[in-house]
PDB file of N, CA and C in Angstrom:
ATOM      1  N   MET A   1      39.816 -28.219   4.524  1.00  0.00           N
ATOM      2  CA  MET A   1      40.262 -27.719   3.008  1.00  0.00           C
ATOM      3  C   MET A   1      40.007 -29.011   2.248  1.00  0.00           C
ATOM      4  N   ALA A   2      39.160 -28.924   1.216  1.00  0.00           N
ATOM      5  CA  ALA A   2      38.735 -30.122   0.182  1.00  0.00           C
ATOM      6  C   ALA A   2      40.042 -30.248  -0.896  1.00  0.00           C
ATOM      7  N   GLU A   3      40.213 -31.693  -0.291  1.00  0.00           N
ATOM      8  CA  GLU A   3      41.140 -31.869  -1.782  1.00  0.00           C
ATOM      9  C   GLU A   3      40.567 -32.255  -2.781  1.00  0.00           C
ATOM     10  N   THR A   4      40.643 -31.703  -3.856  1.00  0.00           N
ATOM     11  CA  THR A   4      40.268 -32.194  -5.165  1.00  0.00           C
ATOM     12  C   THR A   4      41.553 -32.364  -6.371  1.00  0.00           C
ATOM     13  N   PRO A   5      41.406 -33.252  -7.277  1.00  0.00           N
ATOM     14  CA  PRO A   5      42.513 -33.395  -8.374  1.00  0.00           C
ATOM     15  C   PRO A   5      42.609 -32.486  -9.082  1.00  0.00           C
ATOM     16  N   PHE A   6      43.958 -31.806  -9.433  1.00  0.00           N
ATOM     17  CA  PHE A   6      44.215 -31.280 -10.706  1.00  0.00           C
ATOM     18  C   PHE A   6      43.606 -31.271 -11.844  1.00  0.00           C
ATOM     19  N   PHE A   7      43.956 -32.600 -12.359  1.00  0.00           N
ATOM     20  CA  PHE A   7      43.274 -33.044 -13.467  1.00  0.00           C
ATOM     21  C   PHE A   7      42.073 -33.888 -13.200  1.00  0.00           C
ATOM     22  N   ASP A   8      41.264 -33.978 -14.241  1.00  0.00           N
ATOM     23  CA  ASP A   8      39.742 -35.031 -14.344  1.00  0.00           C
ATOM     24  C   ASP A   8      40.372 -36.651 -13.705  1.00  0.00           C
ATOM     25  N   LEU A   9      39.342 -36.790 -13.079  1.00  0.00           N
ATOM     26  CA  LEU A   9      39.636 -38.365 -12.434  1.00  0.00           C
ATOM     27  C   LEU A   9      39.491 -39.261 -13.733  1.00  0.00           C
ATOM     28  N   GLU A  10      40.434 -40.261 -13.728  1.00  0.00           N
ATOM     29  CA  GLU A  10      40.731 -41.231 -14.767  1.00  0.00           C
ATOM     30  C   GLU A  10      39.563 -41.899 -14.559  1.00  0.00           C
ATOM     31  N   ASP A  11      38.761 -42.409 -15.845  1.00  0.00           N
ATOM     32  CA  ASP A  11      38.170 -43.596 -16.018  1.00  0.00           C
ATOM     33  C   ASP A  11      38.619 -44.452 -16.888  1.00  0.00           C
ATOM     34  N   GLU A  12      38.761 -45.761 -16.080  1.00  0.00           N
ATOM     35  CA  GLU A  12      39.614 -46.785 -16.894  1.00  0.00           C
ATOM     36  C   GLU A  12      38.950 -47.552 -18.165  1.00  0.00           C
ATOM     37  N   HIS A  13      37.798 -47.395 -18.029  1.00  0.00           N
ATOM     38  CA  HIS A  13      36.871 -47.702 -19.487  1.00  0.00           C
ATOM     39  C   HIS A  13      37.040 -46.766 -20.440  1.00  0.00           C
ATOM     40  N   PHE A  14      36.925 -45.482 -20.190  1.00  0.00           N
ATOM     41  CA  PHE A  14      37.445 -43.993 -21.211  1.00  0.00           C
ATOM     42  C   PHE A  14      38.640 -44.289 -21.989  1.00  0.00           C
ATOM     43  N   VAL A  15      39.726 -44.551 -20.767  1.00  0.00           N
ATOM     44  CA  VAL A  15      41.209 -44.533 -21.345  1.00  0.00           C
ATOM     45  C   VAL A  15      41.437 -45.675 -22.169  1.00  0.00           C
ATOM     46  N   LYS A  16      40.880 -46.741 -22.009  1.00  0.00           N
ATOM     47  CA  LYS A  16      41.118 -47.874 -22.715  1.00  0.00           C
ATOM     48  C   LYS A  16      40.517 -47.807 -23.954  1.00  0.00           C
ATOM     49  N   THR A  17      39.345 -47.067 -24.192  1.00  0.00           N
ATOM     50  CA  THR A  17      38.436 -46.641 -25.265  1.00  0.00           C
ATOM     51  C   THR A  17      39.364 -46.003 -26.524  1.00  0.00           C
ATOM     52  N   ASP A  18      39.785 -44.919 -25.359  1.00  0.00           N
ATOM     53  CA  ASP A  18      40.522 -43.659 -26.231  1.00  0.00           C
ATOM     54  C   ASP A  18      41.462 -44.829 -26.792  1.00  0.00           C
ATOM     55  N   LEU A  19      42.650 -45.416 -25.788  1.00  0.00           N
ATOM     56  CA  LEU A  19      43.647 -45.950 -26.469  1.00  0.00           C
ATOM     57  C   LEU A  19      43.593 -46.816 -27.894  1.00  0.00           C
ATOM     58  N   TRP A  20      42.459 -47.783 -27.655  1.00  0.00           N
ATOM     59  CA  TRP A  20      41.785 -48.392 -28.796  1.00  0.00           C
ATOM     60  C   TRP A  20      41.491 -47.641 -29.946  1.00  0.00           C
ATOM     61  N   LEU A  21      40.925 -46.637 -29.707  1.00  0.00           N
ATOM     62  CA  LEU A  21      40.338 -45.563 -30.761  1.00  0.00           C
ATOM     63  C   LEU A  21      41.724 -45.365 -31.512  1.00  0.00           C
ATOM     64  N   ILE A  22      42.730 -44.719 -30.896  1.00  0.00           N
ATOM     65  CA  ILE A  22      43.949 -44.409 -31.500  1.00  0.00           C
ATOM     66  C   ILE A  22      44.798 -45.600 -32.248  1.00  0.00           C
ATOM     67  N   GLY A  23      44.694 -46.434 -31.743  1.00  0.00           N
ATOM     68  CA  GLY A  23      45.405 -47.710 -32.384  1.00  0.00           C
ATOM     69  C   GLY A  23      44.870 -48.170 -33.570  1.00  0.00           C
ATOM     70  N   HIS A  24      43.363 -48.340 -33.687  1.00  0.00           N
ATOM     71  CA  HIS A  24      42.727 -48.602 -34.727  1.00  0.00           C
ATOM     72  C   HIS A  24      42.656 -47.473 -36.026  1.00  0.00           C
ATOM     73  N   THR A  25      42.685 -46.085 -35.313  1.00  0.00           N
ATOM     74  CA  THR A  25      42.568 -45.489 -36.496  1.00  0.00           C
ATOM     75  C   THR A  25      44.050 -45.351 -37.189  1.00  0.00           C
ATOM     76  N   ALA A  26      45.484 -45.428 -36.314  1.00  0.00           N
ATOM     77  CA  ALA A  26      46.778 -45.920 -36.721  1.00  0.00           C
ATOM     78  C   ALA A  26      46.588 -47.146 -37.975  1.00  0.00           C
ATOM     79  N   VAL A  27      46.054 -48.179 -37.340  1.00  0.00           N
ATOM     80  CA  VAL A  27      46.309 -49.192 -38.459  1.00  0.00           C
ATOM     81  C   VAL A  27      45.129 -48.788 -39.890  1.00  0.00           C
ATOM     82  N   PHE A  28      44.379 -48.286 -39.891  1.00  0.00           N
ATOM     83  CA  PHE A  28      43.445 -48.165 -40.762  1.00  0.00           C
ATOM     84  C   PHE A  28      44.318 -47.024 -41.653  1.00  0.00           C
ATOM     85  N   LEU A  29      44.929 -45.787 -41.355  1.00  0.00           N
ATOM     86  CA  LEU A  29      45.873 -45.038 -41.801  1.00  0.00           C
ATOM     87  C   LEU A  29      46.885 -45.849 -42.625  1.00  0.00           C
ATOM     88  N   MET A  30      47.337 -46.593 -41.858  1.00  0.00           N
ATOM     89  CA  MET A  30      48.638 -47.598 -42.549  1.00  0.00           C
ATOM     90  C   MET A  30      48.193 -48.430 -43.828  1.00  0.00           C
ATOM     91  N   GLN A  31      47.179 -48.623 -43.443  1.00  0.00           N
ATOM     92  CA  GLN A  31      46.460 -49.724 -44.552  1.00  0.00           C
ATOM     93  C   GLN A  31      46.175 -49.174 -45.814  1.00  0.00           C
ATOM     94  N   LEU A  32      45.409 -47.687 -45.703  1.00  0.00           N
ATOM     95  CA  LEU A  32      45.354 -46.324 -46.278  1.00  0.00           C
ATOM     96  C   LEU A  32      46.359 -46.122 -47.260  1.00  0.00           C
ATOM     97  N   PHE A  33      47.466 -45.741 -46.619  1.00  0.00           N
ATOM     98  CA  PHE A  33      48.680 -45.565 -47.420  1.00  0.00           C
ATOM     99  C   PHE A  33      49.301 -46.497 -48.160  1.00  0.00           C
ATOM    100  N   HIS A  34      49.174 -47.710 -47.520  1.00  0.00           N
ATOM    101  CA  HIS A  34      49.632 -48.850 -48.337  1.00  0.00           C
ATOM    102  C   HIS A  34      48.944 -48.972 -49.514  1.00  0.00           C
ATOM    103  N   LEU A  35      47.790 -48.909 -49.710  1.00  0.00           N
ATOM    104  CA  LEU A  35      46.885 -49.213 -50.972  1.00  0.00           C
ATOM    105  C   LEU A  35      46.972 -47.730 -51.711  1.00  0.00           C
ATOM    106  N   ILE A  36      46.983 -46.519 -51.221  1.00  0.00           N
ATOM    107  CA  ILE A  36      47.337 -45.645 -52.265  1.00  0.00           C
ATOM    108  C   ILE A  36      48.659 -45.871 -52.945  1.00  0.00           C
ATOM    109  N   ALA A  37      49.939 -46.144 -51.996  1.00  0.00           N
ATOM    110  CA  ALA A  37      51.151 -46.252 -52.570  1.00  0.00           C
ATOM    111  C   ALA A  37      51.016 -47.503 -53.667  1.00  0.00           C
ATOM    112  N   GLN A  38      50.477 -48.451 -53.350  1.00  0.00           N
ATOM    113  CA  GLN A  38      50.142 -49.361 -54.354  1.00  0.00           C
ATOM    114  C   GLN A  38      49.505 -48.952 -55.781  1.00  0.00           C
ATOM    115  N   GLY A  39      48.397 -48.116 -55.423  1.00  0.00           N
ATOM    116  CA  GLY A  39      47.885 -47.940 -56.807  1.00  0.00           C
ATOM    117  C   GLY A  39      48.550 -46.706 -57.573  1.00  0.00           C
ATOM    118  N   VAL A  40      49.607 -45.892 -56.760  1.00  0.00           N
ATOM    119  CA  VAL A  40      49.952 -45.103 -57.612  1.00  0.00           C
ATOM    120  C   VAL A  40      51.418 -45.627 -58.322  1.00  0.00           C
ATOM    121  N   ALA A  41      51.822 -46.658 -57.273  1.00  0.00           N
ATOM    122  CA  ALA A  41      53.087 -47.755 -58.252  1.00  0.00           C
ATOM    123  C   ALA A  41      52.621 -48.301 -59.138  1.00  0.00           C
ATOM    124  N   ARG A  42      51.218 -48.606 -59.345  1.00  0.00           N
ATOM    125  CA  ARG A  42      50.725 -49.186 -60.448  1.00  0.00           C
ATOM    126  C   ARG A  42      51.055 -48.341 -61.757  1.00  0.00           C
ATOM    127  N   ASP A  43      49.966 -47.354 -61.316  1.00  0.00           N
ATOM    128  CA  ASP A  43      49.906 -46.158 -62.461  1.00  0.00           C
ATOM    129  C   ASP A  43      51.256 -45.602 -62.872  1.00  0.00           C
ATOM    130  N   ALA A  44      52.086 -45.067 -61.782  1.00  0.00           N
ATOM    131  CA  ALA A  44      53.300 -44.212 -62.297  1.00  0.00           C
ATOM    132  C   ALA A  44      54.502 -45.374 -62.352  1.00  0.00           C
ATOM    133  N   GLY A  45      54.365 -46.592 -62.119  1.00  0.00           N
ATOM    134  CA  GLY A  45      55.341 -47.280 -62.544  1.00  0.00           C
ATOM    135  C   GLY A  45      56.365 -47.151 -61.313  1.00  0.00           C
ATOM    136  N   ARG A  46      56.437 -46.440 -60.305  1.00  0.00           N
ATOM    137  CA  ARG A  46      57.098 -46.390 -59.080  1.00  0.00           C
ATOM    138  C   ARG A  46      56.333 -46.125 -57.977  1.00  0.00           C
ATOM    139  N   SER A  47      56.774 -46.405 -56.694  1.00  0.00           N
ATOM    140  CA  SER A  47      56.086 -46.323 -55.654  1.00  0.00           C
ATOM    141  C   SER A  47      56.588 -44.712 -54.560  1.00  0.00           C
ATOM    142  N   PRO A  48      55.713 -44.088 -54.388  1.00  0.00           N
ATOM    143  CA  PRO A  48      56.312 -42.926 -53.505  1.00  0.00           C
ATOM    144  C   PRO A  48      56.981 -43.254 -52.133  1.00  0.00           C
ATOM    145  N   ILE A  49      56.272 -44.445 -51.586  1.00  0.00           N
ATOM    146  CA  ILE A  49      56.861 -44.577 -50.737  1.00  0.00           C
ATOM    147  C   ILE A  49      57.126 -46.121 -50.389  1.00  0.00           C
ATOM    148  N   GLU A  50      58.107 -46.490 -49.902  1.00  0.00           N
ATOM    149  CA  GLU A  50      58.769 -47.935 -49.928  1.00  0.00           C
ATOM    150  C   GLU A  50      58.143 -48.761 -48.541  1.00  0.00           C
ATOM    151  N   PHE A  51      57.703 -49.960 -48.687  1.00  0.00           N
ATOM    152  CA  PHE A  51      57.184 -50.585 -47.364  1.00  0.00           C
ATOM    153  C   PHE A  51      58.034 -52.001 -47.221  1.00  0.00           C
ATOM    154  N   ARG A  52      57.939 -52.308 -46.026  1.00  0.00           N
ATOM    155  CA  ARG A  52      58.603 -53.698 -46.177  1.00  0.00           C
ATOM    156  C   ARG A  52      57.837 -54.877 -46.777  1.00  0.00           C
ATOM    157  N   ALA A  53      58.449 -55.756 -47.102  1.00  0.00           N
ATOM    158  CA  ALA A  53      57.966 -57.061 -47.975  1.00  0.00           C
ATOM    159  C   ALA A  53      56.781 -57.567 -47.056  1.00  0.00           C
ATOM    160  N   ASP A  54      57.112 -57.620 -45.446  1.00  0.00           N
ATOM    161  CA  ASP A  54      56.102 -58.314 -44.634  1.00  0.00           C
ATOM    162  C   ASP A  54      54.993 -57.084 -44.109  1.00  0.00           C
ATOM    163  N   PHE A  55      54.974 -56.178 -44.810  1.00  0.00           N
ATOM    164  CA  PHE A  55      54.092 -55.064 -44.622  1.00  0.00           C
ATOM    165  C   PHE A  55      52.666 -55.546 -44.302  1.00  0.00           C
ATOM    166  N   PRO A  56      52.127 -56.108 -45.394  1.00  0.00           N
ATOM    167  CA  PRO A  56      50.641 -56.310 -45.127  1.00  0.00           C
ATOM    168  C   PRO A  56      50.334 -57.237 -44.032  1.00  0.00           C
ATOM    169  N   ASP A  57      51.234 -58.508 -44.184  1.00  0.00           N
ATOM    170  CA  ASP A  57      51.292 -59.493 -42.695  1.00  0.00           C
ATOM    171  C   ASP A  57      51.359 -58.848 -41.700  1.00  0.00           C
ATOM    172  N   THR A  58      52.014 -57.722 -41.333  1.00  0.00           N
ATOM    173  CA  THR A  58      52.304 -57.102 -40.154  1.00  0.00           C
ATOM    174  C   THR A  58      50.977 -56.368 -39.908  1.00  0.00           C
ATOM    175  N   VAL A  59      50.677 -55.527 -40.568  1.00  0.00           N
ATOM    176  CA  VAL A  59      49.267 -54.906 -40.356  1.00  0.00           C
ATOM    177  C   VAL A  59      47.998 -55.567 -40.106  1.00  0.00           C
ATOM    178  N   ARG A  60      48.151 -56.758 -40.811  1.00  0.00           N
ATOM    179  CA  ARG A  60      46.828 -57.806 -40.713  1.00  0.00           C
ATOM    180  C   ARG A  60      47.050 -58.241 -39.104  1.00  0.00           C
ATOM    181  N   GLY A  61      47.921 -58.452 -38.827  1.00  0.00           N
ATOM    182  CA  GLY A  61      48.215 -59.025 -37.127  1.00  0.00           C
ATOM    183  C   GLY A  61      47.924 -57.935 -36.419  1.00  0.00           C
ATOM    184  N   LEU A  62      48.094 -56.437 -36.546  1.00  0.00           N
ATOM    185  CA  LEU A  62      48.166 -55.613 -35.830  1.00  0.00           C
ATOM    186  C   LEU A  62      46.613 -55.222 -35.844  1.00  0.00           C
ATOM    187  N   ALA A  63      45.660 -55.753 -36.912  1.00  0.00           N
ATOM    188  CA  ALA A  63      44.271 -55.374 -37.070  1.00  0.00           C
ATOM    189  C   ALA A  63      43.365 -56.572 -36.345  1.00  0.00           C
ATOM    190  N   ALA A  64      44.143 -57.635 -36.444  1.00  0.00           N
ATOM    191  CA  ALA A  64      43.465 -58.794 -35.425  1.00  0.00           C
ATOM    192  C   ALA A  64      43.552 -58.221 -34.064  1.00  0.00           C
ATOM    193  N   GLU A  65      44.929 -57.816 -33.873  1.00  0.00           N
ATOM    194  CA  GLU A  65      44.816 -57.488 -32.027  1.00  0.00           C
ATOM    195  C   GLU A  65      44.020 -56.262 -31.709  1.00  0.00           C
ATOM    196  N   SER A  66      43.801 -55.463 -32.716  1.00  0.00           N
ATOM    197  CA  SER A  66      42.664 -54.358 -32.492  1.00  0.00           C
ATOM    198  C   SER A  66      41.616 -54.659 -32.513  1.00  0.00           C
ATOM    199  N   ASN A  67      41.014 -55.793 -33.376  1.00  0.00           N
ATOM    200  CA  ASN A  67      39.658 -56.172 -33.254  1.00  0.00           C
ATOM    201  C   ASN A  67      39.327 -57.207 -31.901  1.00  0.00           C
ATOM    202  N   ALA A  68      40.143 -58.039 -31.438  1.00  0.00           N
ATOM    203  CA  ALA A  68      40.555 -58.708 -30.011  1.00  0.00           C
ATOM    204  C   ALA A  68      40.372 -57.705 -29.145  1.00  0.00           C
ATOM    205  N   LEU A  69      40.918 -56.620 -29.050  1.00  0.00           N
ATOM    206  CA  LEU A  69      40.542 -55.467 -27.671  1.00  0.00           C
ATOM    207  C   LEU A  69      39.314 -55.164 -27.870  1.00  0.00           C
ATOM    208  N   LEU A  70      38.790 -54.712 -29.219  1.00  0.00           N
ATOM    209  CA  LEU A  70      37.365 -54.272 -29.340  1.00  0.00           C
ATOM    210  C   LEU A  70      36.288 -55.159 -28.552  1.00  0.00           C
ATOM    211  N   ASN A  71      36.610 -56.633 -29.016  1.00  0.00           N
ATOM    212  CA  ASN A  71      35.629 -57.433 -28.760  1.00  0.00           C
ATOM    213  C   ASN A  71      35.757 -57.459 -26.901  1.00  0.00           C
ATOM    214  N   GLU A  72      36.964 -57.461 -26.473  1.00  0.00           N
ATOM    215  CA  GLU A  72      37.250 -57.241 -25.212  1.00  0.00           C
ATOM    216  C   GLU A  72      36.390 -56.090 -24.333  1.00  0.00           C
ATOM    217  N   LEU A  73      36.649 -54.823 -24.898  1.00  0.00           N
ATOM    218  CA  LEU A  73      35.597 -53.742 -24.562  1.00  0.00           C
ATOM    219  C   LEU A  73      34.168 -53.910 -24.716  1.00  0.00           C
ATOM    220  N   ARG A  74      33.777 -54.697 -25.536  1.00  0.00           N
ATOM    221  CA  ARG A  74      32.625 -54.961 -26.220  1.00  0.00           C
ATOM    222  C   ARG A  74      31.772 -56.260 -25.033  1.00  0.00           C
ATOM    223  N   ALA A  75      32.649 -56.728 -24.141  1.00  0.00           N
ATOM    224  CA  ALA A  75      32.044 -57.786 -23.684  1.00  0.00           C
ATOM    225  C   ALA A  75      31.947 -57.398 -21.983  1.00  0.00           C
ATOM    226  N   THR A  76      32.105 -55.816 -21.821  1.00  0.00           N
ATOM    227  CA  THR A  76      32.052 -55.384 -20.356  1.00  0.00           C
ATOM    228  C   THR A  76      30.608 -54.967 -20.100  1.00  0.00           C
ATOM    229  N   GLU A  77      30.068 -55.114 -19.024  1.00  0.00           N
ATOM    230  CA  GLU A  77      29.003 -54.867 -18.260  1.00  0.00           C
ATOM    231  C   GLU A  77      28.464 -53.457 -18.828  1.00  0.00           C
ATOM    232  N   ARG A  78      29.530 -52.617 -18.746  1.00  0.00           N
ATOM    233  CA  ARG A  78      29.261 -51.058 -18.866  1.00  0.00           C
ATOM    234  C   ARG A  78      28.810 -51.200 -20.495  1.00  0.00           C
ATOM    235  N   PHE A  79      29.624 -51.634 -21.399  1.00  0.00           N
ATOM    236  CA  PHE A  79      29.167 -51.509 -22.530  1.00  0.00           C
ATOM    237  C   PHE A  79      27.580 -52.410 -23.065  1.00  0.00           C
ATOM    238  N   ARG A  80      27.451 -53.362 -22.498  1.00  0.00           N
ATOM    239  CA  ARG A  80      25.845 -53.953 -22.966  1.00  0.00           C
ATOM    240  C   ARG A  80      24.911 -53.131 -22.348  1.00  0.00           C
ATOM    241  N   ALA A  81      25.129 -52.257 -21.102  1.00  0.00           N
ATOM    242  CA  ALA A  81      23.983 -51.562 -20.563  1.00  0.00           C
ATOM    243  C   ALA A  81      24.088 -50.246 -21.480  1.00  0.00           C
ATOM    244  N   ALA A  82      25.002 -49.617 -21.936  1.00  0.00           N
ATOM    245  CA  ALA A  82      25.234 -48.766 -23.011  1.00  0.00           C
ATOM    246  C   ALA A  82      24.277 -48.995 -24.173  1.00  0.00           C
ATOM    247  N   MET A  83      24.615 -50.417 -24.862  1.00  0.00           N
ATOM    248  CA  MET A  83      23.929 -50.524 -26.308  1.00  0.00           C
ATOM    249  C   MET A  83      22.232 -50.705 -25.556  1.00  0.00           C
ATOM    250  N   GLN A  84      22.063 -51.644 -24.307  1.00  0.00           N
ATOM    251  CA  GLN A  84      20.497 -51.666 -24.206  1.00  0.00           C
ATOM    252  C   GLN A  84      20.127 -50.236 -24.095  1.00  0.00           C
ATOM    253  N   LYS A  85      20.649 -49.150 -23.454  1.00  0.00           N
ATOM    254  CA  LYS A  85      19.813 -48.017 -23.242  1.00  0.00           C
ATOM    255  C   LYS A  85      19.492 -47.330 -24.851  1.00  0.00           C
ATOM    256  N   HIS A  86      20.794 -47.518 -25.684  1.00  0.00           N
ATOM    257  CA  HIS A  86      20.818 -46.796 -27.161  1.00  0.00           C
ATOM    258  C   HIS A  86      19.536 -47.634 -27.664  1.00  0.00           C
ATOM    259  N   GLU A  87      19.645 -49.081 -27.538  1.00  0.00           N
ATOM    260  CA  GLU A  87      18.557 -49.656 -28.528  1.00  0.00           C
ATOM    261  C   GLU A  87      16.895 -49.342 -27.930  1.00  0.00           C
ATOM    262  N   GLN A  88      16.749 -49.193 -26.410  1.00  0.00           N
ATOM    263  CA  GLN A  88      15.525 -48.449 -26.187  1.00  0.00           C
ATOM    264  C   GLN A  88      14.986 -46.933 -26.789  1.00  0.00           C
ATOM    265  N   ARG A  89      16.106 -46.205 -26.777  1.00  0.00           N
ATOM    266  CA  ARG A  89      16.257 -44.802 -27.172  1.00  0.00           C
ATOM    267  C   ARG A  89      15.546 -44.945 -28.876  1.00  0.00           C
ATOM    268  N   LYS A  90      16.318 -45.797 -29.336  1.00  0.00           N
ATOM    269  CA  LYS A  90      16.070 -46.043 -30.960  1.00  0.00           C
ATOM    270  C   LYS A  90      14.784 -46.427 -31.018  1.00  0.00           C
ATOM    271  N   LYS A  91      13.826 -47.611 -30.429  1.00  0.00           N
ATOM    272  CA  LYS A  91      13.001 -48.113 -30.444  1.00  0.00           C
ATOM    273  C   LYS A  91      11.827 -47.093 -30.269  1.00  0.00           C
ATOM    274  N   ALA A  92      12.143 -46.011 -29.159  1.00  0.00           N
ATOM    275  CA  ALA A  92      11.126 -45.145 -28.824  1.00  0.00           C
ATOM    276  C   ALA A  92      10.956 -44.092 -29.893  1.00  0.00           C
ATOM    277  N   LYS A  93      12.236 -43.804 -30.501  1.00  0.00           N
ATOM    278  CA  LYS A  93      12.072 -43.019 -31.577  1.00  0.00           C
ATOM    279  C   LYS A  93      11.389 -43.429 -32.920  1.00  0.00           C
ATOM    280  N   SER A  94      11.327 -44.500 -32.955  1.00  0.00           N
ATOM    281  CA  SER A  94      11.020 -45.425 -34.169  1.00  0.00           C
ATOM    282  C   SER A  94       9.376 -45.470 -34.164  1.00  0.00           C
ATOM    283  N   GLU A  95       8.995 -45.507 -32.951  1.00  0.00           N
ATOM    284  CA  GLU A  95       7.194 -45.918 -32.781  1.00  0.00           C
ATOM    285  C   GLU A  95       6.363 -44.833 -33.833  1.00  0.00           C
ATOM    286  N   PRO A  96       5.641 -45.486 -34.400  1.00  0.00           N
ATOM    287  CA  PRO A  96       5.046 -44.660 -35.512  1.00  0.00           C
ATOM    288  C   PRO A  96       3.709 -43.994 -34.580  1.00  0.00           C
ATOM    289  N   ASN A  97       3.333 -42.768 -34.826  1.00  0.00           N
ATOM    290  CA  ASN A  97       2.360 -41.920 -34.529  1.00  0.00           C
ATOM    291  C   ASN A  97       2.331 -41.750 -32.984  1.00  0.00           C
ATOM    292  N   ARG A  98       3.634 -41.591 -32.226  1.00  0.00           N
ATOM    293  CA  ARG A  98       3.562 -41.416 -31.160  1.00  0.00           C
ATOM    294  C   ARG A  98       3.095 -40.274 -30.731  1.00  0.00           C
ATOM    295  N   LYS A  99       2.140 -40.189 -29.760  1.00  0.00           N
ATOM    296  CA  LYS A  99       1.213 -39.364 -29.269  1.00  0.00           C
ATOM    297  C   LYS A  99       2.146 -38.508 -28.318  1.00  0.00           C
ATOM    298  N   ARG A 100       2.076 -37.080 -28.337  1.00  0.00           N
ATOM    299  CA  ARG A 100       2.644 -36.271 -27.299  1.00  0.00           C
ATOM    300  C   ARG A 100       1.815 -35.484 -26.623  1.00  0.00           C
ATOM    301  N   PRO A 101       1.840 -35.507 -25.382  1.00  0.00           N
ATOM    302  CA  PRO A 101       0.770 -34.682 -24.863  1.00  0.00           C
ATOM    303  C   PRO A 101       0.579 -32.997 -25.297  1.00  0.00           C
ATOM    304  N   LEU A 102      -0.219 -32.694 -25.304  1.00  0.00           N
ATOM    305  CA  LEU A 102      -0.742 -31.226 -25.450  1.00  0.00           C
ATOM    306  C   LEU A 102      -0.875 -30.465 -23.822  1.00  0.00           C
ATOM    307  N   THR A 103       0.077 -29.574 -24.385  1.00  0.00           N
ATOM    308  CA  THR A 103       0.294 -28.599 -23.075  1.00  0.00           C
ATOM    309  C   THR A 103       0.086 -27.079 -23.619  1.00  0.00           C
ATOM    310  N   ARG A 104      -0.354 -26.402 -22.669  1.00  0.00           N
ATOM    311  CA  ARG A 104      -0.115 -24.784 -22.921  1.00  0.00           C
ATOM    312  C   ARG A 104       0.668 -24.700 -21.764  1.00  0.00           C
ATOM    313  N   THR A 105       1.164 -23.168 -22.514  1.00  0.00           N
ATOM    314  CA  THR A 105       2.213 -22.764 -21.442  1.00  0.00           C
ATOM    315  C   THR A 105       1.081 -21.782 -20.697  1.00  0.00           C
ATOM    316  N   ASN A 106       1.935 -20.887 -19.480  1.00  0.00           N
ATOM    317  CA  ASN A 106       0.848 -19.968 -18.575  1.00  0.00           C
ATOM    318  C   ASN A 106       0.546 -18.962 -19.407  1.00  0.00           C
ATOM    319  N   ASP A 107       0.774 -18.312 -20.576  1.00  0.00           N
ATOM    320  CA  ASP A 107       0.403 -17.521 -21.142  1.00  0.00           C
ATOM    321  C   ASP A 107      -0.872 -17.691 -22.363  1.00  0.00           C
ATOM    322  N   GLY A 108      -0.661 -19.169 -22.022  1.00  0.00           N
ATOM    323  CA  GLY A 108      -2.014 -19.722 -23.166  1.00  0.00           C
ATOM    324  C   GLY A 108      -1.573 -20.180 -24.646  1.00  0.00           C
ATOM    325  N   THR A 109      -0.196 -20.023 -24.687  1.00  0.00           N
ATOM    326  CA  THR A 109       0.356 -20.061 -26.237  1.00  0.00           C
ATOM    327  C   THR A 109       0.347 -21.461 -26.069  1.00  0.00           C
ATOM    328  N   PRO A 110       0.432 -21.865 -27.342  1.00  0.00           N
ATOM    329  CA  PRO A 110       0.710 -23.880 -27.571  1.00  0.00           C
ATOM    330  C   PRO A 110       2.024 -24.018 -27.137  1.00  0.00           C
ATOM    331  N   GLY A 111       2.353 -24.964 -26.043  1.00  0.00           N
ATOM    332  CA  GLY A 111       3.596 -25.637 -25.586  1.00  0.00           C
ATOM    333  C   GLY A 111       4.191 -26.284 -26.826  1.00  0.00           C
ATOM    334  N   PRO A 112       5.219 -27.148 -26.205  1.00  0.00           N
ATOM    335  CA  PRO A 112       5.901 -28.041 -26.941  1.00  0.00           C
ATOM    336  C   PRO A 112       5.373 -29.290 -27.441  1.00  0.00           C
ATOM    337  N   GLY A 113       5.043 -29.613 -28.225  1.00  0.00           N
ATOM    338  CA  GLY A 113       4.455 -30.881 -29.031  1.00  0.00           C
ATOM    339  C   GLY A 113       3.077 -30.574 -29.617  1.00  0.00           C
ATOM    340  N   GLU A 114       2.630 -29.263 -29.133  1.00  0.00           N
ATOM    341  CA  GLU A 114       1.386 -28.874 -29.875  1.00  0.00           C
ATOM    342  C   GLU A 114       1.531 -28.039 -31.063  1.00  0.00           C
ATOM    343  N   LYS A 115       0.685 -28.720 -32.051  1.00  0.00           N
ATOM    344  CA  LYS A 115       0.859 -27.831 -33.480  1.00  0.00           C
ATOM    345  C   LYS A 115      -0.049 -26.399 -33.328  1.00  0.00           C
ATOM    346  N   LEU A 116       0.364 -25.626 -34.217  1.00  0.00           N
ATOM    347  CA  LEU A 116      -0.582 -24.168 -34.256  1.00  0.00           C
ATOM    348  C   LEU A 116      -1.587 -24.459 -34.965  1.00  0.00           C
ATOM    349  N   GLN A 117      -2.794 -24.418 -34.773  1.00  0.00           N
ATOM    350  CA  GLN A 117      -4.068 -24.401 -35.956  1.00  0.00           C
ATOM    351  C   GLN A 117      -4.175 -22.952 -36.751  1.00  0.00           C
ATOM    352  N   ARG A 118      -4.138 -23.202 -37.806  1.00  0.00           N
ATOM    353  CA  ARG A 118      -4.351 -21.895 -38.880  1.00  0.00           C
ATOM    354  C   ARG A 118      -5.741 -21.752 -38.876  1.00  0.00           C
ATOM    355  N   ARG A 119      -5.657 -20.503 -38.909  1.00  0.00           N
ATOM    356  CA  ARG A 119      -7.424 -19.880 -38.893  1.00  0.00           C
ATOM    357  C   ARG A 119      -7.438 -19.588 -40.424  1.00  0.00           C
ATOM    358  N   HIS A 120      -8.333 -20.111 -40.960  1.00  0.00           N
ATOM    359  CA  HIS A 120      -8.737 -19.461 -42.270  1.00  0.00           C
ATOM    360  C   HIS A 120      -9.426 -18.348 -42.536  1.00  0.00           C
ATOM    361  N   CYS A 121      -9.134 -17.368 -43.234  1.00  0.00           N
ATOM    362  CA  CYS A 121      -9.880 -16.018 -43.464  1.00  0.00           C
ATOM    363  C   CYS A 121     -11.008 -16.281 -44.774  1.00  0.00           C
ATOM    364  N   PRO A 122     -12.127 -15.718 -44.452  1.00  0.00           N
ATOM    365  CA  PRO A 122     -12.947 -15.853 -45.387  1.00  0.00           C
ATOM    366  C   PRO A 122     -12.764 -14.740 -46.762  1.00  0.00           C
TER     367      PRO A 122
END
């Protein structure tokens, strides 16, 4: 009898990346709500949401921690290998006039990468 886990196997890199993304999104939303509340307070004369006096400093600190975690994730060999692969694909796509091999399918119709020739009727 084979033992397989009920849930997917945990990949530590994906867990850390997902947690960073959640935290980064939360910091972004806090900054957005604060800016919107400041704009409304300026236009309407009152703020719909009250923030602590040290809120901007607190959020800046959280953003700095988020950036430090991002730099830590980017320093891994796994990230560098993925970025190298991404750059190779990007370079291959940007090569001008990249020739594709002409192929015909078994029934004689043009294959992938082969343009159809239009016949001009007299």
